[in-house]
Amino acid sequence: MKTNQDTINKIIWKACDTFRGTMNSSAYMDYILTMLFVKYLSDFYKEKVEVLTEKYQGNQKKIKKSLQNEKFILNDYCTFDYLFKNKETTNIGETINVALAKIEEDNKIKLEGVFRNIDFNNSKVLGNTKERNSILKHLLEDFNDKELDLRPSKLASNDVIGDSYEYLISNFASDAGKKGGEFFTPANVSTLLAKLVEAKKGDRIYDPACGSGSLLIKAAREIGSHEFQIYGQEKNGQTHSLALMNMFLHNINDAKIAWGDTLRNPLHKENDMLATFDTVVANPPFSLDKWGQEELTDDKFGRFDMGIPPKSKGDYAFILHMLASANPEGTVGVILPHGVLFRGASEGKIRTQIIQKYNYLHAVIGLPANLFFGTSIPACILIFKKNRKTQDVLFIDASSEFEKVKNQNVLRDIDVQKILHTYKEREVINKYSYIATRQEIEENDYNLNIPRYVDTFEEEEPIDMPKVKENINKIETELESIKHEMNKYLDELGL
């Protein structure tokens, strides 16, 4: 029987019960996701050993030599099986930490730093020795479920583990509230953006604020093959580790995910200049304060030649970085708050140049409010294309089409498909979409506020005054009747 995603989801989500009640999900997320990754590495390696043992009839020298060429190398005391056998020891947290350090050391090129933010011997998070040992013992027992067989030959598909990992991340992001938005973009929003940018076979795909990497993975999936190269950068070390694990669990083994502040120190460079890419996507932090304006007024990469964004709002800093990172035929897709469409001063001047001088803006898509973890404000998607042949801009107002699920609004598949169809066909739909000419945008002083272009005003039905008068007369007659009845009862009571 093959291991499917539902089985993995059920077992791993049940494992979360080990932590629930002792700490919130933002604290135990790393322990669950790291243990899933270790279980995956162990089962992958175990099967390779089994295959090679049979192939070389137990010849340890040949087996060991062949294992050196495998995707991952695992020492015996780094495997999940070893950790499970030692679950009763008084220093199990330290044992797990040693195993993680050795995994990094033996797989330095691929996994260096992947476990830098996790400590299974942390008394501040996991409690005193007795409490910590109890939690870790139960965690290992949860992951030892016989149905959780992650050997490649036992998986229902190549994406099963990766999709389960994404499922867990999305649930943790939902629980984490505001902090959840720092590492995860809601699934249908990232799917929508991935389909809008339409990455092609052979593309280099880049996300300068990649979070856990879900947007990059979805953009790559649209290609339908493994002929692509992924690049990303993430400032938060904890989230960077999530992205690395996410890539491997989706069988993307050559992703180049850098750790650092993209605006202050972009790490994807070629010949000491910014590397350029075919497809650039991002859901950067909205209106980031203190993004580095003072340090970047003389940016050596020339990203801010159109102007320096305000120091309290980094939205256009990310837009300009992304445009500079797109090659001459590149496509850029970015999710940002609506303020980027109409704010003035330096942002207005930058927006004007992007449209007037460079003709990069291709489409503006307004999304519903309350889609994103940690903020209820509505967002928009901006699509930029280098080397455009036309000067018009498509505006779509999809702000009223969604489903409310608990306290969060959700884009349904039907909403995503309507946006995609309208975008690809560049279709004008009454009260939903409009294609604005350059002249119209100039007349609006390069203000891109969607209601200026898509008229969603609903005319009220005309008031039927004769009907209103008739209703008033009817109410007055009824009141007179009630008044007459009340007086009758009062007379009978002698009042």
Protein backbone atom coordinates (compact mmCIF):
# COMPACT_ATOMS: atom_id res chain seq x y z
CA MET A 1 0.00 0.00 0.00
CA LYS A 2 1.38 3.39 -1.04
CA THR A 3 1.83 6.26 1.41
CA ASN A 4 -0.42 9.13 0.35
CA GLN A 5 -0.66 12.73 1.45
CA ASP A 6 -3.75 12.20 3.62
CA THR A 7 -1.94 9.53 5.61
CA ILE A 8 1.09 11.76 6.20
CA ASN A 9 -1.09 14.76 7.07
CA LYS A 10 -3.12 12.76 9.60
CA ILE A 11 -0.09 11.26 11.36
CA ILE A 12 1.96 14.45 11.46
CA TRP A 13 -0.93 16.64 12.55
CA LYS A 14 -1.61 14.12 15.31
CA ALA A 15 2.04 14.47 16.34
CA CYS A 16 1.33 18.13 17.01
CA ASP A 17 -0.82 16.99 19.95
CA THR A 18 2.44 16.15 21.72
CA PHE A 19 3.10 19.89 21.96
CA ARG A 20 -0.39 21.37 22.14
CA GLY A 21 -1.18 22.68 25.58
CA THR A 22 2.50 23.05 26.48
CA MET A 23 3.38 25.80 23.97
CA ASN A 24 1.86 27.62 21.02
CA SER A 25 2.30 26.41 17.46
CA SER A 26 4.85 29.07 16.52
CA ALA A 27 7.16 27.52 19.13
CA TYR A 28 6.77 23.85 18.17
CA MET A 29 6.50 24.27 14.40
CA ASP A 30 10.25 23.83 13.88
CA TYR A 31 10.37 20.61 15.90
CA ILE A 32 7.58 18.99 13.88
CA LEU A 33 8.90 20.09 10.48
CA THR A 34 12.50 19.17 11.32
CA MET A 35 11.50 15.69 12.50
CA LEU A 36 9.52 15.17 9.28
CA PHE A 37 12.63 16.13 7.30
CA VAL A 38 14.83 13.77 9.33
CA LYS A 39 12.32 10.94 8.81
CA TYR A 40 12.36 11.63 5.07
CA LEU A 41 16.18 11.64 4.93
CA SER A 42 16.33 8.42 6.95
CA ASP A 43 13.78 6.52 4.89
CA PHE A 44 15.36 7.74 1.66
CA TYR A 45 18.79 6.61 2.83
CA LYS A 46 17.48 3.31 4.25
CA GLU A 47 16.04 2.31 0.89
CA LYS A 48 19.26 3.22 -0.91
CA VAL A 49 21.19 0.95 1.48
CA GLU A 50 18.70 -1.87 0.90
CA VAL A 51 18.97 -1.58 -2.89
CA LEU A 52 22.78 -1.42 -2.86
CA THR A 53 23.05 -4.30 -0.39
CA GLU A 54 21.10 -6.49 -2.75
CA LYS A 55 23.00 -5.23 -5.78
CA TYR A 56 26.45 -5.83 -4.28
CA GLN A 57 25.43 -8.90 -2.26
CA GLY A 58 26.43 -7.32 1.03
CA ASN A 59 29.89 -6.12 -0.08
CA GLN A 60 30.29 -3.24 2.42
CA LYS A 61 33.18 -1.62 0.56
CA LYS A 62 31.17 -1.29 -2.67
CA ILE A 63 28.04 -0.24 -0.79
CA LYS A 64 29.88 2.52 1.08
CA LYS A 65 31.53 3.80 -2.10
CA SER A 66 28.20 3.97 -3.96
CA LEU A 67 26.49 5.74 -1.04
CA GLN A 68 29.00 8.59 -1.37
CA ASN A 69 27.37 9.45 -4.72
CA GLU A 70 23.82 9.55 -3.37
CA LYS A 71 21.79 12.73 -2.84
CA PHE A 72 22.28 12.59 0.94
CA ILE A 73 24.79 10.85 3.22
CA LEU A 74 23.68 9.66 6.66
CA ASN A 75 25.79 8.22 9.43
CA ASP A 76 24.10 5.37 11.31
CA TYR A 77 23.61 7.46 14.45
CA CYS A 78 21.91 10.21 12.41
CA THR A 79 19.02 8.05 11.25
CA PHE A 80 15.53 8.25 12.66
CA ASP A 81 15.72 4.57 13.60
CA TYR A 82 18.76 5.26 15.81
CA LEU A 83 17.05 8.20 17.48
CA PHE A 84 13.92 6.14 18.11
CA LYS A 85 15.94 3.34 19.71
CA ASN A 86 17.43 5.91 22.07
CA LYS A 87 14.15 7.63 22.96
CA GLU A 88 14.37 6.54 26.62
CA THR A 89 17.83 8.02 27.24
CA THR A 90 18.11 10.96 29.62
CA ASN A 91 19.97 13.09 27.06
CA ILE A 92 17.77 12.42 24.02
CA GLY A 93 17.61 16.16 23.17
CA GLU A 94 21.38 16.35 23.03
CA THR A 95 21.50 13.13 20.98
CA ILE A 96 19.15 14.62 18.39
CA ASN A 97 21.20 17.83 18.24
CA VAL A 98 24.41 15.84 17.62
CA ALA A 99 22.69 13.92 14.82
CA LEU A 100 21.48 17.12 13.15
CA ALA A 101 24.95 18.67 13.33
CA LYS A 102 26.47 15.57 11.75
CA ILE A 103 23.87 15.55 8.95
CA GLU A 104 24.84 19.14 8.13
CA GLU A 105 28.55 18.33 8.27
CA ASP A 106 28.25 15.30 5.97
CA ASN A 107 26.03 17.17 3.50
CA LYS A 108 27.67 20.57 3.79
CA ILE A 109 27.07 21.82 0.25
CA LYS A 110 23.34 21.06 0.32
CA LEU A 111 22.32 21.26 3.97
CA GLU A 112 24.70 23.68 5.67
CA GLY A 113 22.74 25.82 8.12
CA VAL A 114 19.43 24.02 7.60
CA PHE A 115 19.15 23.18 11.33
CA ARG A 116 20.77 26.35 12.67
CA ASN A 117 17.59 27.56 14.40
CA ILE A 118 16.47 24.37 16.06
CA ASP A 119 17.57 23.10 19.48
CA PHE A 120 16.05 19.87 20.79
CA ASN A 121 17.80 20.41 24.12
CA ASN A 122 16.32 23.85 24.78
CA SER A 123 15.02 23.97 28.35
CA LYS A 124 13.40 27.39 27.85
CA VAL A 125 11.12 26.00 25.14
CA LEU A 126 10.82 22.30 26.01
CA GLY A 127 11.02 22.51 29.81
CA ASN A 128 13.25 20.82 32.36
CA THR A 129 14.98 17.52 31.64
CA LYS A 130 12.05 15.34 32.68
CA GLU A 131 9.48 17.36 30.71
CA ARG A 132 11.79 17.66 27.70
CA ASN A 133 12.54 13.94 27.59
CA SER A 134 8.84 13.11 27.82
CA ILE A 135 7.93 15.44 24.93
CA LEU A 136 10.74 14.18 22.67
CA LYS A 137 9.99 10.54 23.47
CA HIS A 138 6.35 11.00 22.43
CA LEU A 139 7.40 12.94 19.34
CA LEU A 140 9.65 10.08 18.19
CA GLU A 141 6.88 7.59 18.90
CA ASP A 142 4.44 9.63 16.82
CA PHE A 143 6.82 9.63 13.85
CA ASN A 144 7.47 5.90 14.22
CA ASP A 145 3.94 5.11 13.01
CA LYS A 146 4.18 2.12 10.66
CA GLU A 147 2.00 3.92 8.12
CA LEU A 148 4.53 6.76 7.86
CA ASP A 149 6.75 5.00 5.34
CA LEU A 150 8.61 7.68 3.38
CA ARG A 151 10.82 5.43 1.27
CA PRO A 152 10.67 6.63 -2.37
CA SER A 153 9.23 3.33 -3.62
CA LYS A 154 6.39 3.56 -1.07
CA LEU A 155 5.20 7.07 -1.91
CA ALA A 156 2.05 7.54 -3.98
CA SER A 157 3.78 10.33 -5.95
CA ASN A 158 6.98 12.39 -5.95
CA ASP A 159 5.14 15.39 -4.48
CA VAL A 160 3.48 13.61 -1.55
CA ILE A 161 5.97 14.59 1.17
CA GLY A 162 6.47 18.11 -0.15
CA ASP A 163 2.74 18.73 -0.32
CA SER A 164 2.32 17.45 3.23
CA TYR A 165 5.08 19.80 4.33
CA GLU A 166 3.21 22.68 2.67
CA TYR A 167 0.00 21.56 4.36
CA LEU A 168 1.70 21.73 7.74
CA ILE A 169 3.30 25.11 7.01
CA SER A 170 -0.06 26.55 5.95
CA ASN A 171 -1.72 25.32 9.15
CA PHE A 172 1.08 26.71 11.28
CA ALA A 173 0.87 30.02 9.42
CA SER A 174 -2.87 30.19 10.11
CA ASP A 175 -2.30 29.54 13.82
CA ALA A 176 0.59 32.00 13.99
CA GLY A 177 -1.56 34.95 12.87
CA LYS A 178 0.57 38.01 12.05
CA LYS A 179 3.84 36.07 12.14
CA GLY A 180 2.38 33.52 9.70
CA GLY A 181 2.46 36.08 6.93
CA GLU A 182 6.23 36.26 7.26
CA PHE A 183 6.76 32.76 5.91
CA PHE A 184 3.69 31.69 3.94
CA THR A 185 1.47 33.08 1.18
CA PRO A 186 -2.06 31.57 1.10
CA ALA A 187 -2.10 28.66 -1.35
CA ASN A 188 -4.58 29.97 -3.92
CA VAL A 189 -2.93 33.40 -3.98
CA SER A 190 0.49 31.89 -4.72
CA THR A 191 -1.11 29.56 -7.29
CA LEU A 192 -2.73 32.56 -8.97
CA LEU A 193 0.53 34.52 -9.16
CA ALA A 194 2.42 31.45 -10.41
CA LYS A 195 -0.07 31.03 -13.25
CA LEU A 196 -0.05 34.74 -14.09
CA VAL A 197 3.72 34.93 -14.62
CA GLU A 198 3.71 31.78 -16.81
CA ALA A 199 7.27 30.53 -16.30
CA LYS A 200 8.56 28.52 -19.27
CA LYS A 201 10.83 25.54 -19.74
CA GLY A 202 14.43 26.51 -19.07
CA ASP A 203 13.54 29.61 -17.02
CA ARG A 204 15.54 30.92 -14.11
CA ILE A 205 12.95 31.75 -11.42
CA TYR A 206 13.76 34.14 -8.56
CA ASP A 207 12.05 35.33 -5.37
CA PRO A 208 13.92 38.01 -3.37
CA ALA A 209 11.70 37.51 -0.28
CA CYS A 210 11.03 33.81 -0.64
CA GLY A 211 9.75 32.89 2.83
CA SER A 212 9.28 29.12 2.98
CA GLY A 213 9.61 28.91 -0.81
CA SER A 214 6.03 27.96 -1.65
CA LEU A 215 5.66 30.65 -4.32
CA LEU A 216 8.86 29.54 -6.07
CA ILE A 217 7.72 25.91 -6.03
CA LYS A 218 4.32 26.78 -7.48
CA ALA A 219 5.88 28.94 -10.22
CA ALA A 220 8.20 26.08 -11.16
CA ARG A 221 5.36 23.55 -11.18
CA GLU A 222 3.62 25.49 -13.93
CA ILE A 223 6.45 24.50 -16.28
CA GLY A 224 5.45 20.84 -16.14
CA SER A 225 9.03 19.53 -16.14
CA HIS A 226 12.23 19.83 -14.11
CA GLU A 227 13.87 22.08 -16.70
CA PHE A 228 14.19 25.18 -14.53
CA GLN A 229 16.50 26.71 -11.95
CA ILE A 230 15.24 28.22 -8.71
CA TYR A 231 16.85 31.11 -6.85
CA GLY A 232 15.68 32.80 -3.68
CA GLN A 233 16.79 34.91 -0.76
CA GLU A 234 15.29 35.11 2.71
CA LYS A 235 16.29 37.40 5.57
CA ASN A 236 14.86 35.37 8.47
CA GLY A 237 17.16 32.46 9.36
CA GLN A 238 14.36 30.28 10.70
CA THR A 239 12.28 30.79 7.56
CA HIS A 240 15.33 30.24 5.34
CA SER A 241 15.68 26.79 6.91
CA LEU A 242 12.02 26.05 6.12
CA ALA A 243 12.66 27.00 2.49
CA LEU A 244 15.68 24.70 2.18
CA MET A 245 13.79 21.72 3.58
CA ASN A 246 10.76 22.56 1.46
CA MET A 247 12.83 22.43 -1.72
CA PHE A 248 14.33 19.01 -0.97
CA LEU A 249 10.96 17.58 0.06
CA HIS A 250 9.60 18.70 -3.34
CA ASN A 251 12.51 16.94 -5.03
CA ILE A 252 14.11 20.23 -6.07
CA ASN A 253 17.68 19.43 -5.17
CA ASP A 254 19.60 22.27 -6.82
CA ALA A 255 17.69 25.35 -5.59
CA LYS A 256 19.94 28.24 -4.66
CA ILE A 257 18.34 29.77 -1.57
CA ALA A 258 20.51 32.44 0.07
CA TRP A 259 20.24 33.75 3.63
CA GLY A 260 20.41 37.52 4.04
CA ASP A 261 18.76 40.92 3.57
CA THR A 262 17.99 41.22 -0.14
CA LEU A 263 17.71 45.02 -0.23
CA ARG A 264 20.85 45.76 1.79
CA ASN A 265 22.88 42.83 0.54
CA PRO A 266 21.61 40.98 -2.54
CA LEU A 267 23.47 37.67 -2.73
CA HIS A 268 22.60 36.46 -6.23
CA LYS A 269 25.22 38.21 -8.36
CA GLU A 270 27.13 37.62 -11.57
CA ASN A 271 30.33 39.51 -12.33
CA ASP A 272 29.70 41.65 -9.24
CA MET A 273 26.39 42.83 -10.70
CA LEU A 274 22.86 41.68 -9.95
CA ALA A 275 22.06 38.33 -11.51
CA THR A 276 19.06 38.53 -13.84
CA PHE A 277 16.21 36.07 -14.26
CA ASP A 278 13.42 35.15 -16.65
CA THR A 279 10.70 35.11 -13.99
CA VAL A 280 10.70 37.13 -10.77
CA VAL A 281 7.97 36.68 -8.15
CA ALA A 282 7.49 37.83 -4.57
CA ASN A 283 5.11 38.55 -1.73
CA PRO A 284 7.43 40.87 0.22
CA PRO A 285 6.55 42.32 3.64
CA PHE A 286 3.93 45.02 3.16
CA SER A 287 5.17 48.62 3.55
CA LEU A 288 8.34 47.56 5.34
CA ASP A 289 9.65 50.25 7.69
CA LYS A 290 13.41 50.91 7.95
CA TRP A 291 14.21 48.88 4.86
CA GLY A 292 17.63 50.51 4.44
CA GLN A 293 16.98 53.78 2.62
CA GLU A 294 19.84 55.67 4.31
CA GLU A 295 22.34 52.98 3.31
CA LEU A 296 21.18 52.66 -0.29
CA THR A 297 21.00 56.22 -1.60
CA ASP A 298 24.10 55.37 -3.68
CA ASP A 299 23.20 51.79 -4.45
CA LYS A 300 26.08 50.27 -6.40
CA PHE A 301 23.68 48.09 -8.39
CA GLY A 302 21.74 51.08 -9.76
CA ARG A 303 18.42 49.72 -8.52
CA PHE A 304 17.11 53.12 -7.42
CA ASP A 305 17.95 55.25 -10.44
CA MET A 306 14.22 56.03 -10.77
CA GLY A 307 14.19 57.44 -7.24
CA ILE A 308 14.58 56.42 -3.60
CA PRO A 309 11.40 55.10 -1.95
CA PRO A 310 10.41 56.58 1.44
CA LYS A 311 12.28 55.05 4.39
CA SER A 312 9.05 54.03 6.13
CA LYS A 313 7.63 52.10 3.16
CA GLY A 314 9.79 49.57 1.33
CA ASP A 315 7.20 48.49 -1.25
CA TYR A 316 8.84 50.28 -4.18
CA ALA A 317 12.29 49.22 -2.98
CA PHE A 318 11.22 45.63 -3.64
CA ILE A 319 9.56 46.55 -6.95
CA LEU A 320 12.71 48.31 -8.18
CA HIS A 321 14.94 45.44 -7.03
CA MET A 322 12.71 42.95 -8.85
CA LEU A 323 12.67 45.00 -12.05
CA ALA A 324 16.47 45.30 -11.93
CA SER A 325 16.66 41.52 -11.43
CA ALA A 326 14.55 40.70 -14.50
CA ASN A 327 16.34 40.15 -17.79
CA PRO A 328 15.36 42.16 -20.91
CA GLU A 329 12.57 39.69 -21.74
CA GLY A 330 11.63 38.98 -18.10
CA THR A 331 8.29 38.94 -16.30
CA VAL A 332 7.79 40.23 -12.75
CA GLY A 333 4.82 39.45 -10.51
CA VAL A 334 4.51 40.97 -7.03
CA ILE A 335 1.86 41.08 -4.29
CA LEU A 336 1.63 44.40 -2.43
CA PRO A 337 -0.86 46.65 -0.59
CA HIS A 338 -3.05 49.01 -2.62
CA GLY A 339 -1.06 52.03 -1.46
CA VAL A 340 1.52 51.36 -4.18
CA LEU A 341 -1.16 52.26 -6.73
CA PHE A 342 -1.84 55.81 -5.62
CA ARG A 343 0.61 57.12 -2.99
CA GLY A 344 2.34 60.30 -4.16
CA ALA A 345 5.69 62.01 -3.53
CA SER A 346 8.70 59.79 -4.36
CA GLU A 347 6.51 56.74 -4.96
CA GLY A 348 4.38 58.67 -7.45
CA LYS A 349 7.50 59.74 -9.35
CA ILE A 350 8.81 56.18 -9.48
CA ARG A 351 5.43 54.87 -10.62
CA THR A 352 5.32 57.48 -13.39
CA GLN A 353 8.74 56.46 -14.72
CA ILE A 354 7.93 52.76 -14.64
CA ILE A 355 4.93 53.45 -16.88
CA GLN A 356 5.91 56.51 -18.92
CA LYS A 357 9.62 55.96 -19.51
CA TYR A 358 9.97 52.18 -19.41
CA ASN A 359 6.45 50.87 -20.20
CA TYR A 360 6.87 47.92 -17.83
CA LEU A 361 3.41 47.77 -16.22
CA HIS A 362 1.21 45.10 -17.80
CA ALA A 363 -1.64 44.49 -15.37
CA VAL A 364 -3.09 45.53 -12.00
CA ILE A 365 -5.29 43.02 -10.16
CA GLY A 366 -7.18 43.97 -7.01
CA LEU A 367 -7.70 41.13 -4.52
CA PRO A 368 -10.23 40.77 -1.67
CA ALA A 369 -9.46 42.05 1.81
CA ASN A 370 -8.48 39.67 4.63
CA LEU A 371 -6.74 37.07 2.44
CA PHE A 372 -3.36 37.23 4.14
CA PHE A 373 -2.21 36.04 7.55
CA GLY A 374 -1.59 38.92 9.90
CA THR A 375 -3.33 41.70 7.97
CA SER A 376 -6.89 42.33 6.84
CA ILE A 377 -6.00 45.03 4.31
CA PRO A 378 -6.71 44.28 0.65
CA ALA A 379 -3.74 43.59 -1.59
CA CYS A 380 -3.11 43.74 -5.30
CA ILE A 381 -0.97 41.90 -7.80
CA LEU A 382 1.17 43.92 -10.20
CA ILE A 383 2.48 42.23 -13.34
CA PHE A 384 5.40 43.87 -15.15
CA LYS A 385 6.84 42.76 -18.47
CA LYS A 386 10.07 43.92 -20.02
CA ASN A 387 10.05 44.66 -23.78
CA ARG A 388 6.27 45.17 -24.04
CA LYS A 389 4.83 45.85 -27.50
CA THR A 390 1.73 47.74 -26.32
CA GLN A 391 1.20 50.60 -23.88
CA ASP A 392 -2.21 49.77 -22.41
CA VAL A 393 -2.71 48.33 -18.91
CA LEU A 394 -5.28 45.76 -17.83
CA PHE A 395 -7.12 46.47 -14.58
CA ILE A 396 -9.08 43.72 -12.79
CA ASP A 397 -11.21 44.27 -9.71
CA ALA A 398 -11.60 40.86 -8.07
CA SER A 399 -12.12 42.34 -4.60
CA SER A 400 -15.67 41.09 -4.11
CA GLU A 401 -15.26 37.49 -5.27
CA PHE A 402 -14.18 35.13 -2.48
CA GLU A 403 -15.44 32.73 0.16
CA LYS A 404 -15.39 33.52 3.86
CA VAL A 405 -13.93 30.65 5.90
CA LYS A 406 -13.99 31.31 9.65
CA ASN A 407 -12.16 34.62 10.10
CA GLN A 408 -10.28 34.49 6.80
CA ASN A 409 -11.35 35.22 3.24
CA VAL A 410 -10.28 32.63 0.67
CA LEU A 411 -9.92 32.78 -3.11
CA ARG A 412 -11.88 29.90 -4.58
CA ASP A 413 -10.76 28.00 -7.66
CA ILE A 414 -13.57 29.65 -9.62
CA ASP A 415 -12.26 33.09 -8.59
CA VAL A 416 -8.73 32.19 -9.65
CA GLN A 417 -9.92 30.87 -13.00
CA LYS A 418 -11.96 34.00 -13.72
CA ILE A 419 -8.95 36.23 -13.04
CA LEU A 420 -6.69 34.05 -15.20
CA HIS A 421 -9.13 33.96 -18.12
CA THR A 422 -9.63 37.72 -18.00
CA TYR A 423 -5.88 38.31 -17.79
CA LYS A 424 -4.89 35.97 -20.60
CA GLU A 425 -7.64 37.12 -22.95
CA ARG A 426 -7.25 40.75 -21.83
CA GLU A 427 -11.00 40.85 -21.73
CA VAL A 428 -13.12 43.84 -20.70
CA ILE A 429 -15.96 42.78 -18.40
CA ASN A 430 -18.50 45.24 -17.05
CA LYS A 431 -17.77 46.14 -13.41
CA TYR A 432 -14.85 43.66 -13.31
CA SER A 433 -12.10 44.59 -15.77
CA TYR A 434 -10.94 47.40 -18.05
CA ILE A 435 -8.06 48.09 -20.41
CA ALA A 436 -6.75 51.60 -19.90
CA THR A 437 -4.78 53.43 -22.56
CA ARG A 438 -1.59 55.32 -21.74
CA GLN A 439 -3.50 58.56 -22.30
CA GLU A 440 -6.13 57.64 -19.69
CA ILE A 441 -3.42 56.81 -17.18
CA GLU A 442 -1.66 60.12 -17.91
CA GLU A 443 -4.96 61.96 -17.45
CA ASN A 444 -5.20 60.35 -14.01
CA ASP A 445 -1.67 61.62 -13.23
CA TYR A 446 -0.39 58.02 -13.13
CA ASN A 447 -2.68 57.21 -10.23
CA LEU A 448 -3.52 53.51 -10.60
CA ASN A 449 -6.30 53.29 -8.04
CA ILE A 450 -8.53 50.61 -9.53
CA PRO A 451 -11.92 52.40 -9.13
CA ARG A 452 -10.60 55.11 -11.48
CA TYR A 453 -10.64 52.52 -14.27
CA VAL A 454 -13.11 49.80 -13.28
CA ASP A 455 -16.54 51.25 -12.53
CA THR A 456 -18.11 49.04 -9.85
CA PHE A 457 -20.77 51.59 -8.83
CA GLU A 458 -24.16 49.97 -8.48
CA GLU A 459 -27.07 52.27 -9.32
CA GLU A 460 -29.86 52.11 -6.79
CA GLU A 461 -33.31 51.22 -8.05
CA PRO A 462 -35.52 54.32 -8.50
CA ILE A 463 -37.86 54.97 -5.58
CA ASP A 464 -41.52 54.27 -6.35
CA MET A 465 -43.06 57.34 -4.65
CA PRO A 466 -46.74 56.36 -5.24
CA LYS A 467 -46.00 52.99 -3.62
CA VAL A 468 -44.28 54.72 -0.68
CA LYS A 469 -47.31 57.00 -0.22
CA GLU A 470 -49.63 54.01 -0.34
CA ASN A 471 -47.60 52.24 2.37
CA ILE A 472 -47.63 55.32 4.60
CA ASN A 473 -51.43 55.59 4.29
CA LYS A 474 -51.77 51.91 5.09
CA ILE A 475 -49.59 52.25 8.22
CA GLU A 476 -51.55 55.32 9.38
CA THR A 477 -54.87 53.44 8.99
CA GLU A 478 -53.51 50.50 11.01
CA LEU A 479 -52.29 52.88 13.74
CA GLU A 480 -55.76 54.49 13.98
CA SER A 481 -57.33 51.05 14.33
CA ILE A 482 -54.89 50.09 17.11
CA LYS A 483 -55.49 53.42 18.86
CA HIS A 484 -59.27 52.84 18.75
CA GLU A 485 -58.88 49.34 20.26
CA MET A 486 -56.60 50.66 23.05
CA ASN A 487 -59.13 53.37 24.01
CA LYS A 488 -61.87 50.75 24.13
CA TYR A 489 -59.90 48.59 26.60
CA LEU A 490 -59.04 51.62 28.75
CA ASP A 491 -62.75 52.62 28.98
CA GLU A 492 -63.64 49.08 30.12
CA LEU A 493 -61.03 49.35 32.88
CA GLY A 494 -62.42 52.74 33.91
CA LEU A 495 -59.19 54.48 33.17
